[in-house]
Amino acid sequence: MPYVTISTVRGIFDVAQKKALLERVTDLMVEIEGQGNPDFRRNVWVKIEEGEPASWSLGGMIPTSEMIAGAFGAIGEGGRRVAKAKA
């Protein structure tokens, strides 16, 4: 029974992206470890752990919410990513 944990900074993925990531990782585990057996799907656990930006470092820099929003777009109402403004 595989357990897959994905660790990331809170605010990187919106709800739709998390759903897609969970589904695709599950599909990959069924394909590889389950050798394509669809019954294996019920044995696959996938978890996304999100940590506060202050708990992370990228190149020695602690990312801020503004840096994350600037790179990926802000998370708006309902957990959906707000499109970045075009420059």
PDB file of N, CA and C in Angstrom:
ATOM      1  N   MET A   1       0.854  -1.168   0.000  1.00  0.00           N
ATOM      2  CA  MET A   1       0.000   0.000   0.000  1.00  0.00           C
ATOM      3  C   MET A   1       0.904   1.237   0.000  1.00  0.00           C
ATOM      4  N   PRO A   2       0.981   1.970  -1.107  1.00  0.00           N
ATOM      5  CA  PRO A   2       1.857   3.137  -1.156  1.00  0.00           C
ATOM      6  C   PRO A   2       1.242   4.364  -0.480  1.00  0.00           C
ATOM      7  N   TYR A   3       2.115   5.112   0.165  1.00  0.00           N
ATOM      8  CA  TYR A   3       1.769   6.401   0.747  1.00  0.00           C
ATOM      9  C   TYR A   3       2.683   7.424   0.104  1.00  0.00           C
ATOM     10  N   VAL A   4       2.115   8.383  -0.603  1.00  0.00           N
ATOM     11  CA  VAL A   4       2.892   9.420  -1.277  1.00  0.00           C
ATOM     12  C   VAL A   4       2.576  10.739  -0.599  1.00  0.00           C
ATOM     13  N   THR A   5       3.618  11.471  -0.189  1.00  0.00           N
ATOM     14  CA  THR A   5       3.436  12.775   0.426  1.00  0.00           C
ATOM     15  C   THR A   5       4.141  13.820  -0.429  1.00  0.00           C
ATOM     16  N   ILE A   6       3.409  14.870  -0.770  1.00  0.00           N
ATOM     17  CA  ILE A   6       3.944  15.984  -1.527  1.00  0.00           C
ATOM     18  C   ILE A   6       3.984  17.175  -0.583  1.00  0.00           C
ATOM     19  N   SER A   7       5.177  17.714  -0.365  1.00  0.00           N
ATOM     20  CA  SER A   7       5.331  18.875   0.516  1.00  0.00           C
ATOM     21  C   SER A   7       5.528  20.115  -0.338  1.00  0.00           C
ATOM     22  N   THR A   8       4.803  21.174   0.008  1.00  0.00           N
ATOM     23  CA  THR A   8       4.901  22.410  -0.759  1.00  0.00           C
ATOM     24  C   THR A   8       4.588  23.603   0.130  1.00  0.00           C
ATOM     25  N   VAL A   9       4.865  24.775  -0.384  1.00  0.00           N
ATOM     26  CA  VAL A   9       4.546  26.015   0.307  1.00  0.00           C
ATOM     27  C   VAL A   9       3.051  26.290   0.135  1.00  0.00           C
ATOM     28  N   ARG A  10       2.392  26.671   1.223  1.00  0.00           N
ATOM     29  CA  ARG A  10       0.969  27.024   1.152  1.00  0.00           C
ATOM     30  C   ARG A  10       0.794  28.169   0.147  1.00  0.00           C
ATOM     31  N   GLY A  11      -0.207  28.023  -0.714  1.00  0.00           N
ATOM     32  CA  GLY A  11      -0.507  29.082  -1.673  1.00  0.00           C
ATOM     33  C   GLY A  11       0.030  28.840  -3.067  1.00  0.00           C
ATOM     34  N   ILE A  12       0.798  27.767  -3.263  1.00  0.00           N
ATOM     35  CA  ILE A  12       1.341  27.479  -4.583  1.00  0.00           C
ATOM     36  C   ILE A  12       0.260  26.899  -5.492  1.00  0.00           C
ATOM     37  N   PHE A  13      -0.531  25.966  -4.975  1.00  0.00           N
ATOM     38  CA  PHE A  13      -1.556  25.293  -5.773  1.00  0.00           C
ATOM     39  C   PHE A  13      -2.940  25.781  -5.383  1.00  0.00           C
ATOM     40  N   ASP A  14      -3.816  25.955  -6.373  1.00  0.00           N
ATOM     41  CA  ASP A  14      -5.213  26.237  -6.059  1.00  0.00           C
ATOM     42  C   ASP A  14      -5.957  24.902  -5.961  1.00  0.00           C
ATOM     43  N   VAL A  15      -7.238  24.945  -5.671  1.00  0.00           N
ATOM     44  CA  VAL A  15      -8.025  23.733  -5.444  1.00  0.00           C
ATOM     45  C   VAL A  15      -8.010  22.810  -6.670  1.00  0.00           C
ATOM     46  N   ALA A  16      -8.194  23.380  -7.840  1.00  0.00           N
ATOM     47  CA  ALA A  16      -8.226  22.570  -9.071  1.00  0.00           C
ATOM     48  C   ALA A  16      -6.869  21.914  -9.331  1.00  0.00           C
ATOM     49  N   GLN A  17      -5.790  22.636  -9.069  1.00  0.00           N
ATOM     50  CA  GLN A  17      -4.455  22.072  -9.261  1.00  0.00           C
ATOM     51  C   GLN A  17      -4.189  20.938  -8.279  1.00  0.00           C
ATOM     52  N   LYS A  18      -4.623  21.089  -7.043  1.00  0.00           N
ATOM     53  CA  LYS A  18      -4.457  20.018  -6.055  1.00  0.00           C
ATOM     54  C   LYS A  18      -5.213  18.770  -6.483  1.00  0.00           C
ATOM     55  N   LYS A  19      -6.433  18.950  -6.944  1.00  0.00           N
ATOM     56  CA  LYS A  19      -7.246  17.815  -7.399  1.00  0.00           C
ATOM     57  C   LYS A  19      -6.549  17.098  -8.551  1.00  0.00           C
ATOM     58  N   ALA A  20      -6.062  17.858  -9.525  1.00  0.00           N
ATOM     59  CA  ALA A  20      -5.360  17.259 -10.668  1.00  0.00           C
ATOM     60  C   ALA A  20      -4.096  16.537 -10.222  1.00  0.00           C
ATOM     61  N   LEU A  21      -3.339  17.132  -9.311  1.00  0.00           N
ATOM     62  CA  LEU A  21      -2.107  16.521  -8.814  1.00  0.00           C
ATOM     63  C   LEU A  21      -2.406  15.210  -8.093  1.00  0.00           C
ATOM     64  N   LEU A  22      -3.405  15.205  -7.223  1.00  0.00           N
ATOM     65  CA  LEU A  22      -3.780  13.987  -6.496  1.00  0.00           C
ATOM     66  C   LEU A  22      -4.209  12.879  -7.459  1.00  0.00           C
ATOM     67  N   GLU A  23      -5.005  13.232  -8.454  1.00  0.00           N
ATOM     68  CA  GLU A  23      -5.474  12.236  -9.426  1.00  0.00           C
ATOM     69  C   GLU A  23      -4.324  11.678 -10.262  1.00  0.00           C
ATOM     70  N   ARG A  24      -3.442  12.561 -10.733  1.00  0.00           N
ATOM     71  CA  ARG A  24      -2.367  12.114 -11.622  1.00  0.00           C
ATOM     72  C   ARG A  24      -1.309  11.294 -10.891  1.00  0.00           C
ATOM     73  N   VAL A  25      -1.008  11.662  -9.648  1.00  0.00           N
ATOM     74  CA  VAL A  25      -0.061  10.856  -8.872  1.00  0.00           C
ATOM     75  C   VAL A  25      -0.665   9.479  -8.600  1.00  0.00           C
ATOM     76  N   THR A  26      -1.954   9.447  -8.275  1.00  0.00           N
ATOM     77  CA  THR A  26      -2.635   8.164  -8.076  1.00  0.00           C
ATOM     78  C   THR A  26      -2.555   7.327  -9.349  1.00  0.00           C
ATOM     79  N   ASP A  27      -2.865   7.928 -10.485  1.00  0.00           N
ATOM     80  CA  ASP A  27      -2.787   7.218 -11.771  1.00  0.00           C
ATOM     81  C   ASP A  27      -1.394   6.642 -12.000  1.00  0.00           C
ATOM     82  N   LEU A  28      -0.374   7.433 -11.700  1.00  0.00           N
ATOM     83  CA  LEU A  28       1.009   6.986 -11.895  1.00  0.00           C
ATOM     84  C   LEU A  28       1.351   5.804 -10.990  1.00  0.00           C
ATOM     85  N   MET A  29       0.900   5.852  -9.741  1.00  0.00           N
ATOM     86  CA  MET A  29       1.160   4.736  -8.827  1.00  0.00           C
ATOM     87  C   MET A  29       0.445   3.466  -9.284  1.00  0.00           C
ATOM     88  N   VAL A  30      -0.775   3.613  -9.801  1.00  0.00           N
ATOM     89  CA  VAL A  30      -1.501   2.449 -10.330  1.00  0.00           C
ATOM     90  C   VAL A  30      -0.739   1.875 -11.520  1.00  0.00           C
ATOM     91  N   GLU A  31      -0.278   2.743 -12.397  1.00  0.00           N
ATOM     92  CA  GLU A  31       0.456   2.293 -13.584  1.00  0.00           C
ATOM     93  C   GLU A  31       1.757   1.587 -13.228  1.00  0.00           C
ATOM     94  N   ILE A  32       2.536   2.176 -12.311  1.00  0.00           N
ATOM     95  CA  ILE A  32       3.872   1.644 -12.021  1.00  0.00           C
ATOM     96  C   ILE A  32       3.831   0.553 -10.962  1.00  0.00           C
ATOM     97  N   GLU A  33       3.386   0.884  -9.753  1.00  0.00           N
ATOM     98  CA  GLU A  33       3.422  -0.101  -8.675  1.00  0.00           C
ATOM     99  C   GLU A  33       2.314  -1.147  -8.823  1.00  0.00           C
ATOM    100  N   GLY A  34       1.144  -0.688  -9.279  1.00  0.00           N
ATOM    101  CA  GLY A  34       0.025  -1.609  -9.439  1.00  0.00           C
ATOM    102  C   GLY A  34       0.017  -2.332 -10.769  1.00  0.00           C
ATOM    103  N   GLN A  35       1.031  -2.065 -11.588  1.00  0.00           N
ATOM    104  CA  GLN A  35       1.185  -2.704 -12.895  1.00  0.00           C
ATOM    105  C   GLN A  35      -0.077  -2.586 -13.741  1.00  0.00           C
ATOM    106  N   GLY A  36      -0.751  -1.432 -13.614  1.00  0.00           N
ATOM    107  CA  GLY A  36      -1.919  -1.156 -14.428  1.00  0.00           C
ATOM    108  C   GLY A  36      -3.216  -1.765 -13.943  1.00  0.00           C
ATOM    109  N   ASN A  37      -3.186  -2.473 -12.832  1.00  0.00           N
ATOM    110  CA  ASN A  37      -4.394  -3.107 -12.291  1.00  0.00           C
ATOM    111  C   ASN A  37      -5.281  -2.024 -11.652  1.00  0.00           C
ATOM    112  N   PRO A  38      -6.476  -1.761 -12.221  1.00  0.00           N
ATOM    113  CA  PRO A  38      -7.331  -0.702 -11.682  1.00  0.00           C
ATOM    114  C   PRO A  38      -7.775  -0.951 -10.237  1.00  0.00           C
ATOM    115  N   ASP A  39      -7.791  -2.190  -9.792  1.00  0.00           N
ATOM    116  CA  ASP A  39      -8.162  -2.486  -8.398  1.00  0.00           C
ATOM    117  C   ASP A  39      -7.131  -1.955  -7.406  1.00  0.00           C
ATOM    118  N   PHE A  40      -5.903  -1.716  -7.875  1.00  0.00           N
ATOM    119  CA  PHE A  40      -4.843  -1.216  -7.009  1.00  0.00           C
ATOM    120  C   PHE A  40      -5.132   0.212  -6.539  1.00  0.00           C
ATOM    121  N   ARG A  41      -5.940   0.956  -7.302  1.00  0.00           N
ATOM    122  CA  ARG A  41      -6.245   2.358  -6.999  1.00  0.00           C
ATOM    123  C   ARG A  41      -6.732   2.539  -5.561  1.00  0.00           C
ATOM    124  N   ARG A  42      -7.546   1.633  -5.066  1.00  0.00           N
ATOM    125  CA  ARG A  42      -8.103   1.798  -3.712  1.00  0.00           C
ATOM    126  C   ARG A  42      -7.052   1.659  -2.613  1.00  0.00           C
ATOM    127  N   ASN A  43      -5.824   1.249  -2.984  1.00  0.00           N
ATOM    128  CA  ASN A  43      -4.744   1.102  -2.012  1.00  0.00           C
ATOM    129  C   ASN A  43      -3.773   2.277  -2.002  1.00  0.00           C
ATOM    130  N   VAL A  44      -3.979   3.235  -2.884  1.00  0.00           N
ATOM    131  CA  VAL A  44      -3.027   4.340  -3.039  1.00  0.00           C
ATOM    132  C   VAL A  44      -3.460   5.538  -2.194  1.00  0.00           C
ATOM    133  N   TRP A  45      -2.565   5.969  -1.299  1.00  0.00           N
ATOM    134  CA  TRP A  45      -2.778   7.160  -0.483  1.00  0.00           C
ATOM    135  C   TRP A  45      -1.866   8.261  -1.020  1.00  0.00           C
ATOM    136  N   VAL A  46      -2.428   9.445  -1.277  1.00  0.00           N
ATOM    137  CA  VAL A  46      -1.633  10.600  -1.692  1.00  0.00           C
ATOM    138  C   VAL A  46      -2.043  11.775  -0.819  1.00  0.00           C
ATOM    139  N   LYS A  47      -1.060  12.480  -0.293  1.00  0.00           N
ATOM    140  CA  LYS A  47      -1.326  13.586   0.630  1.00  0.00           C
ATOM    141  C   LYS A  47      -0.499  14.795   0.206  1.00  0.00           C
ATOM    142  N   ILE A  48      -1.119  15.957   0.211  1.00  0.00           N
ATOM    143  CA  ILE A  48      -0.396  17.208  -0.029  1.00  0.00           C
ATOM    144  C   ILE A  48      -0.267  17.912   1.317  1.00  0.00           C
ATOM    145  N   GLU A  49       0.961  18.131   1.734  1.00  0.00           N
ATOM    146  CA  GLU A  49       1.232  18.873   2.970  1.00  0.00           C
ATOM    147  C   GLU A  49       1.666  20.279   2.589  1.00  0.00           C
ATOM    148  N   GLU A  50       0.986  21.262   3.127  1.00  0.00           N
ATOM    149  CA  GLU A  50       1.326  22.643   2.832  1.00  0.00           C
ATOM    150  C   GLU A  50       1.877  23.318   4.086  1.00  0.00           C
ATOM    151  N   GLY A  51       3.031  23.915   3.949  1.00  0.00           N
ATOM    152  CA  GLY A  51       3.641  24.622   5.059  1.00  0.00           C
ATOM    153  C   GLY A  51       3.623  26.120   4.819  1.00  0.00           C
ATOM    154  N   GLU A  52       3.615  26.856   5.899  1.00  0.00           N
ATOM    155  CA  GLU A  52       3.642  28.314   5.791  1.00  0.00           C
ATOM    156  C   GLU A  52       4.934  28.749   5.096  1.00  0.00           C
ATOM    157  N   PRO A  53       4.877  29.797   4.282  1.00  0.00           N
ATOM    158  CA  PRO A  53       6.075  30.255   3.573  1.00  0.00           C
ATOM    159  C   PRO A  53       7.267  30.519   4.498  1.00  0.00           C
ATOM    160  N   ALA A  54       7.011  30.995   5.719  1.00  0.00           N
ATOM    161  CA  ALA A  54       8.099  31.296   6.652  1.00  0.00           C
ATOM    162  C   ALA A  54       8.863  30.049   7.087  1.00  0.00           C
ATOM    163  N   SER A  55       8.302  28.862   6.832  1.00  0.00           N
ATOM    164  CA  SER A  55       8.960  27.608   7.203  1.00  0.00           C
ATOM    165  C   SER A  55       9.827  27.058   6.075  1.00  0.00           C
ATOM    166  N   TRP A  56       9.922  27.770   4.968  1.00  0.00           N
ATOM    167  CA  TRP A  56      10.647  27.299   3.791  1.00  0.00           C
ATOM    168  C   TRP A  56      11.763  28.271   3.435  1.00  0.00           C
ATOM    169  N   SER A  57      12.704  27.778   2.677  1.00  0.00           N
ATOM    170  CA  SER A  57      13.768  28.616   2.141  1.00  0.00           C
ATOM    171  C   SER A  57      14.049  28.173   0.717  1.00  0.00           C
ATOM    172  N   LEU A  58      14.220  29.135  -0.156  1.00  0.00           N
ATOM    173  CA  LEU A  58      14.598  28.878  -1.538  1.00  0.00           C
ATOM    174  C   LEU A  58      15.823  29.721  -1.826  1.00  0.00           C
ATOM    175  N   GLY A  59      16.952  29.065  -2.003  1.00  0.00           N
ATOM    176  CA  GLY A  59      18.188  29.792  -2.237  1.00  0.00           C
ATOM    177  C   GLY A  59      18.575  30.677  -1.066  1.00  0.00           C
ATOM    178  N   GLY A  60      18.165  30.278   0.141  1.00  0.00           N
ATOM    179  CA  GLY A  60      18.490  31.042   1.335  1.00  0.00           C
ATOM    180  C   GLY A  60      17.495  32.155   1.628  1.00  0.00           C
ATOM    181  N   MET A  61      16.487  32.323   0.765  1.00  0.00           N
ATOM    182  CA  MET A  61      15.480  33.357   0.952  1.00  0.00           C
ATOM    183  C   MET A  61      14.174  32.739   1.419  1.00  0.00           C
ATOM    184  N   ILE A  62      13.531  33.374   2.388  1.00  0.00           N
ATOM    185  CA  ILE A  62      12.225  32.914   2.835  1.00  0.00           C
ATOM    186  C   ILE A  62      11.190  33.563   1.920  1.00  0.00           C
ATOM    187  N   PRO A  63      10.384  32.751   1.218  1.00  0.00           N
ATOM    188  CA  PRO A  63       9.400  33.331   0.299  1.00  0.00           C
ATOM    189  C   PRO A  63       8.275  34.016   1.069  1.00  0.00           C
ATOM    190  N   THR A  64       7.824  35.127   0.553  1.00  0.00           N
ATOM    191  CA  THR A  64       6.681  35.828   1.141  1.00  0.00           C
ATOM    192  C   THR A  64       5.440  35.517   0.309  1.00  0.00           C
ATOM    193  N   SER A  65       4.287  35.807   0.878  1.00  0.00           N
ATOM    194  CA  SER A  65       3.037  35.624   0.131  1.00  0.00           C
ATOM    195  C   SER A  65       3.056  36.451  -1.148  1.00  0.00           C
ATOM    196  N   GLU A  66       3.648  37.643  -1.078  1.00  0.00           N
ATOM    197  CA  GLU A  66       3.729  38.508  -2.251  1.00  0.00           C
ATOM    198  C   GLU A  66       4.613  37.889  -3.334  1.00  0.00           C
ATOM    199  N   MET A  67       5.729  37.282  -2.935  1.00  0.00           N
ATOM    200  CA  MET A  67       6.615  36.617  -3.902  1.00  0.00           C
ATOM    201  C   MET A  67       5.880  35.452  -4.570  1.00  0.00           C
ATOM    202  N   ILE A  68       5.151  34.683  -3.781  1.00  0.00           N
ATOM    203  CA  ILE A  68       4.414  33.536  -4.328  1.00  0.00           C
ATOM    204  C   ILE A  68       3.333  34.025  -5.277  1.00  0.00           C
ATOM    205  N   ALA A  69       2.576  35.045  -4.868  1.00  0.00           N
ATOM    206  CA  ALA A  69       1.525  35.592  -5.725  1.00  0.00           C
ATOM    207  C   ALA A  69       2.119  36.171  -6.998  1.00  0.00           C
ATOM    208  N   GLY A  70       3.283  36.819  -6.890  1.00  0.00           N
ATOM    209  CA  GLY A  70       3.931  37.396  -8.062  1.00  0.00           C
ATOM    210  C   GLY A  70       4.392  36.340  -9.053  1.00  0.00           C
ATOM    211  N   ALA A  71       4.821  35.202  -8.545  1.00  0.00           N
ATOM    212  CA  ALA A  71       5.308  34.131  -9.405  1.00  0.00           C
ATOM    213  C   ALA A  71       4.193  33.254  -9.942  1.00  0.00           C
ATOM    214  N   PHE A  72       3.174  33.009  -9.132  1.00  0.00           N
ATOM    215  CA  PHE A  72       2.154  32.026  -9.492  1.00  0.00           C
ATOM    216  C   PHE A  72       0.743  32.592  -9.573  1.00  0.00           C
ATOM    217  N   GLY A  73       0.527  33.832  -9.138  1.00  0.00           N
ATOM    218  CA  GLY A  73      -0.814  34.398  -9.050  1.00  0.00           C
ATOM    219  C   GLY A  73      -1.354  34.175  -7.649  1.00  0.00           C
ATOM    220  N   ALA A  74      -2.179  35.080  -7.197  1.00  0.00           N
ATOM    221  CA  ALA A  74      -2.735  34.988  -5.848  1.00  0.00           C
ATOM    222  C   ALA A  74      -3.866  33.973  -5.803  1.00  0.00           C
ATOM    223  N   ILE A  75      -4.142  33.467  -4.600  1.00  0.00           N
ATOM    224  CA  ILE A  75      -5.286  32.582  -4.386  1.00  0.00           C
ATOM    225  C   ILE A  75      -6.443  33.468  -3.930  1.00  0.00           C
ATOM    226  N   GLY A  76      -7.551  33.396  -4.651  1.00  0.00           N
ATOM    227  CA  GLY A  76      -8.704  34.227  -4.342  1.00  0.00           C
ATOM    228  C   GLY A  76      -9.789  33.463  -3.613  1.00  0.00           C
ATOM    229  N   GLU A  77     -11.009  33.972  -3.703  1.00  0.00           N
ATOM    230  CA  GLU A  77     -12.172  33.359  -3.064  1.00  0.00           C
ATOM    231  C   GLU A  77     -12.352  31.918  -3.535  1.00  0.00           C
ATOM    232  N   GLY A  78     -12.732  31.046  -2.644  1.00  0.00           N
ATOM    233  CA  GLY A  78     -13.019  29.659  -2.998  1.00  0.00           C
ATOM    234  C   GLY A  78     -11.793  28.835  -3.317  1.00  0.00           C
ATOM    235  N   GLY A  79     -10.582  29.359  -3.017  1.00  0.00           N
ATOM    236  CA  GLY A  79      -9.369  28.591  -3.257  1.00  0.00           C
ATOM    237  C   GLY A  79      -8.939  28.536  -4.701  1.00  0.00           C
ATOM    238  N   ARG A  80      -9.452  29.427  -5.529  1.00  0.00           N
ATOM    239  CA  ARG A  80      -9.084  29.455  -6.942  1.00  0.00           C
ATOM    240  C   ARG A  80      -7.976  30.467  -7.175  1.00  0.00           C
ATOM    241  N   ARG A  81      -7.056  30.125  -8.057  1.00  0.00           N
ATOM    242  CA  ARG A  81      -5.961  31.021  -8.380  1.00  0.00           C
ATOM    243  C   ARG A  81      -6.482  32.176  -9.236  1.00  0.00           C
ATOM    244  N   VAL A  82      -6.075  33.395  -8.880  1.00  0.00           N
ATOM    245  CA  VAL A  82      -6.416  34.587  -9.645  1.00  0.00           C
ATOM    246  C   VAL A  82      -5.342  34.759 -10.696  1.00  0.00           C
ATOM    247  N   ALA A  83      -5.737  34.947 -11.929  1.00  0.00           N
ATOM    248  CA  ALA A  83      -4.769  35.082 -13.017  1.00  0.00           C
ATOM    249  C   ALA A  83      -3.833  36.246 -12.759  1.00  0.00           C
ATOM    250  N   LYS A  84      -2.557  36.055 -13.083  1.00  0.00           N
ATOM    251  CA  LYS A  84      -1.579  37.130 -12.946  1.00  0.00           C
ATOM    252  C   LYS A  84      -1.886  38.205 -13.977  1.00  0.00           C
ATOM    253  N   ALA A  85      -1.670  39.451 -13.597  1.00  0.00           N
ATOM    254  CA  ALA A  85      -1.855  40.561 -14.536  1.00  0.00           C
ATOM    255  C   ALA A  85      -0.776  40.493 -15.604  1.00  0.00           C
ATOM    256  N   LYS A  86      -1.153  40.750 -16.830  1.00  0.00           N
ATOM    257  CA  LYS A  86      -0.186  40.753 -17.934  1.00  0.00           C
ATOM    258  C   LYS A  86       0.653  42.012 -17.859  1.00  0.00           C
ATOM    259  N   ALA A  87       1.940  41.857 -18.082  1.00  0.00           N
ATOM    260  CA  ALA A  87       2.852  43.007 -17.999  1.00  0.00           C
ATOM    261  C   ALA A  87       2.828  43.830 -19.262  1.00  0.00           C
TER     262      ALA A  87
END
